[in-house]
Amino acid sequence: MPERDRDYLPRVYLDLRAEHPGIAEAYDKIGDACRHAGPLDEREQRLVKLGIAVGLSSEGGVRSHVRRGLVEGLTRAELLHAIVIAVPTAGFPATAAAYRWACQVLDREADESAQEAGVKQAIHGPARSGSGRSDA
């Protein structure tokens, strides 16, 4: 399991994996088998999994797939569109809840990125453009 995933997984999930490593290993293997069973790439698979989480009204699933989608390069607009198109299938209430959960994750990630950029700028100074020569 990637280290980044450990940063936000619920404690109960981590505890279950630790207490039942054989089950965790089997779960990981079936996930791998499913990912490799067809032509969808990782990006498409992430969007499908997000849609499934919306349909199940799985708050943890929606939050997880939004976070992972960002790491995999999906944009805010793409992730939110994948949620919105669930309205006719999952219903408005489930979709609205998923949209809220996703926006909370996206806003938090944007805030953290802005804070990191501010820290980098404070340490290294503003980004410079051009040849570095002074026109004065």
Protein backbone atom coordinates (compact mmCIF):
# COMPACT_ATOMS: atom_id res chain seq x y z
CA MET A 1 0.00 0.00 0.00
CA PRO A 2 1.48 3.39 -0.98
CA GLU A 3 2.61 5.57 1.93
CA ARG A 4 0.31 8.44 0.91
CA ASP A 5 -2.70 6.13 1.33
CA ARG A 6 -1.75 5.56 4.95
CA ASP A 7 -2.09 9.28 5.64
CA TYR A 8 -5.87 9.28 5.40
CA LEU A 9 -7.10 5.72 5.75
CA PRO A 10 -9.41 5.18 8.71
CA ARG A 11 -7.76 3.60 11.73
CA VAL A 12 -10.25 0.70 11.71
CA TYR A 13 -9.20 -0.18 8.14
CA LEU A 14 -5.53 -0.16 9.08
CA ASP A 15 -6.24 -2.20 12.21
CA LEU A 16 -8.20 -4.80 10.23
CA ARG A 17 -5.34 -5.12 7.74
CA ALA A 18 -2.83 -5.49 10.56
CA GLU A 19 -4.89 -8.06 12.48
CA HIS A 20 -5.79 -10.10 9.38
CA PRO A 21 -2.88 -9.85 6.94
CA GLY A 22 -4.03 -12.89 4.94
CA ILE A 23 -7.39 -11.27 4.23
CA ALA A 24 -5.66 -7.98 3.38
CA GLU A 25 -3.34 -9.77 0.97
CA ALA A 26 -6.24 -11.59 -0.71
CA TYR A 27 -8.17 -8.31 -0.97
CA ASP A 28 -5.17 -6.63 -2.60
CA LYS A 29 -4.79 -9.51 -5.07
CA ILE A 30 -8.43 -9.42 -6.17
CA GLY A 31 -8.13 -5.65 -6.60
CA ASP A 32 -5.08 -6.15 -8.82
CA ALA A 33 -6.87 -8.85 -10.83
CA CYS A 34 -9.88 -6.57 -11.38
CA ARG A 35 -7.68 -3.64 -12.45
CA HIS A 36 -5.94 -5.79 -15.06
CA ALA A 37 -9.08 -7.57 -16.32
CA GLY A 38 -9.88 -5.09 -19.08
CA PRO A 39 -8.79 -2.14 -21.20
CA LEU A 40 -9.56 0.78 -18.87
CA ASP A 41 -6.54 2.79 -17.82
CA GLU A 42 -5.95 3.99 -14.24
CA ARG A 43 -7.61 7.33 -14.87
CA GLU A 44 -10.77 5.75 -16.27
CA GLN A 45 -10.81 3.18 -13.47
CA ARG A 46 -10.57 5.93 -10.85
CA LEU A 47 -13.57 7.74 -12.33
CA VAL A 48 -15.59 4.51 -12.45
CA LYS A 49 -14.72 3.74 -8.82
CA LEU A 50 -15.70 7.27 -7.83
CA GLY A 51 -19.05 6.79 -9.55
CA ILE A 52 -19.59 3.50 -7.74
CA ALA A 53 -18.79 5.17 -4.40
CA VAL A 54 -21.36 7.87 -5.21
CA GLY A 55 -24.00 5.22 -5.98
CA LEU A 56 -23.25 3.44 -2.70
CA SER A 57 -23.36 6.74 -0.76
CA SER A 58 -19.95 5.80 0.58
CA GLU A 59 -18.45 8.91 2.13
CA GLY A 60 -15.11 7.20 2.72
CA GLY A 61 -15.08 5.85 -0.82
CA VAL A 62 -15.87 9.21 -2.39
CA ARG A 63 -13.23 10.99 -0.32
CA SER A 64 -10.64 8.29 -1.04
CA HIS A 65 -11.22 8.25 -4.79
CA VAL A 66 -11.16 12.05 -5.01
CA ARG A 67 -7.82 12.14 -3.17
CA ARG A 68 -6.38 9.38 -5.30
CA GLY A 69 -7.73 11.00 -8.45
CA LEU A 70 -5.88 14.21 -7.63
CA VAL A 71 -2.65 12.27 -7.07
CA GLU A 72 -3.19 10.54 -10.42
CA GLY A 73 -3.62 13.88 -12.22
CA LEU A 74 -7.38 14.22 -12.49
CA THR A 75 -8.64 17.78 -12.27
CA ARG A 76 -11.24 19.20 -9.91
CA ALA A 77 -13.60 19.64 -12.87
CA GLU A 78 -13.18 16.02 -14.01
CA LEU A 79 -13.77 14.63 -10.52
CA LEU A 80 -16.85 16.77 -9.92
CA HIS A 81 -18.24 15.93 -13.37
CA ALA A 82 -17.91 12.22 -12.59
CA ILE A 83 -20.05 12.85 -9.51
CA VAL A 84 -22.66 15.07 -11.19
CA ILE A 85 -23.38 12.52 -13.93
CA ALA A 86 -24.54 10.14 -11.18
CA VAL A 87 -27.74 12.16 -10.58
CA PRO A 88 -30.03 10.10 -12.86
CA THR A 89 -28.66 6.79 -11.59
CA ALA A 90 -27.86 7.39 -7.92
CA GLY A 91 -30.42 10.12 -7.27
CA PHE A 92 -30.08 13.74 -6.31
CA PRO A 93 -29.62 13.30 -2.53
CA ALA A 94 -26.78 10.76 -2.86
CA THR A 95 -25.11 12.83 -5.56
CA ALA A 96 -25.45 16.06 -3.59
CA ALA A 97 -23.87 14.43 -0.53
CA ALA A 98 -21.02 13.04 -2.64
CA TYR A 99 -20.51 16.44 -4.25
CA ARG A 100 -20.21 18.03 -0.80
CA TRP A 101 -17.71 15.39 0.38
CA ALA A 102 -15.65 15.82 -2.77
CA CYS A 103 -15.63 19.62 -2.48
CA GLN A 104 -14.44 19.34 1.12
CA VAL A 105 -11.52 17.16 0.01
CA LEU A 106 -10.74 19.34 -2.99
CA ASP A 107 -10.86 22.55 -0.96
CA ARG A 108 -8.63 21.07 1.73
CA GLU A 109 -6.12 19.85 -0.83
CA ALA A 110 -6.13 23.27 -2.54
CA ASP A 111 -5.56 24.99 0.82
CA GLU A 112 -2.67 22.64 1.64
CA SER A 113 -1.10 23.22 -1.79
CA ALA A 114 -1.39 26.98 -1.36
CA GLN A 115 0.20 26.76 2.09
CA GLU A 116 3.06 24.65 0.73
CA ALA A 117 3.61 27.14 -2.08
CA GLY A 118 3.64 29.99 0.44
CA VAL A 119 6.23 28.21 2.57
CA LYS A 120 8.41 27.55 -0.49
CA GLN A 121 8.15 31.19 -1.52
CA ALA A 122 9.03 32.33 2.01
CA ILE A 123 12.11 30.10 2.01
CA HIS A 124 13.28 30.59 -1.58
CA GLY A 125 11.80 33.96 -2.46
CA PRO A 126 9.46 34.68 -5.36
CA ALA A 127 9.93 32.77 -8.59
CA ARG A 128 12.10 34.64 -11.06
CA SER A 129 11.62 34.84 -14.78
CA GLY A 130 13.85 35.92 -17.62
CA SER A 131 17.61 35.67 -17.89
CA GLY A 132 18.33 36.80 -14.37
CA ARG A 133 19.99 40.04 -15.62
CA SER A 134 18.96 43.37 -14.20
CA ASP A 135 17.58 45.96 -16.60
CA ALA A 136 18.55 48.81 -14.28
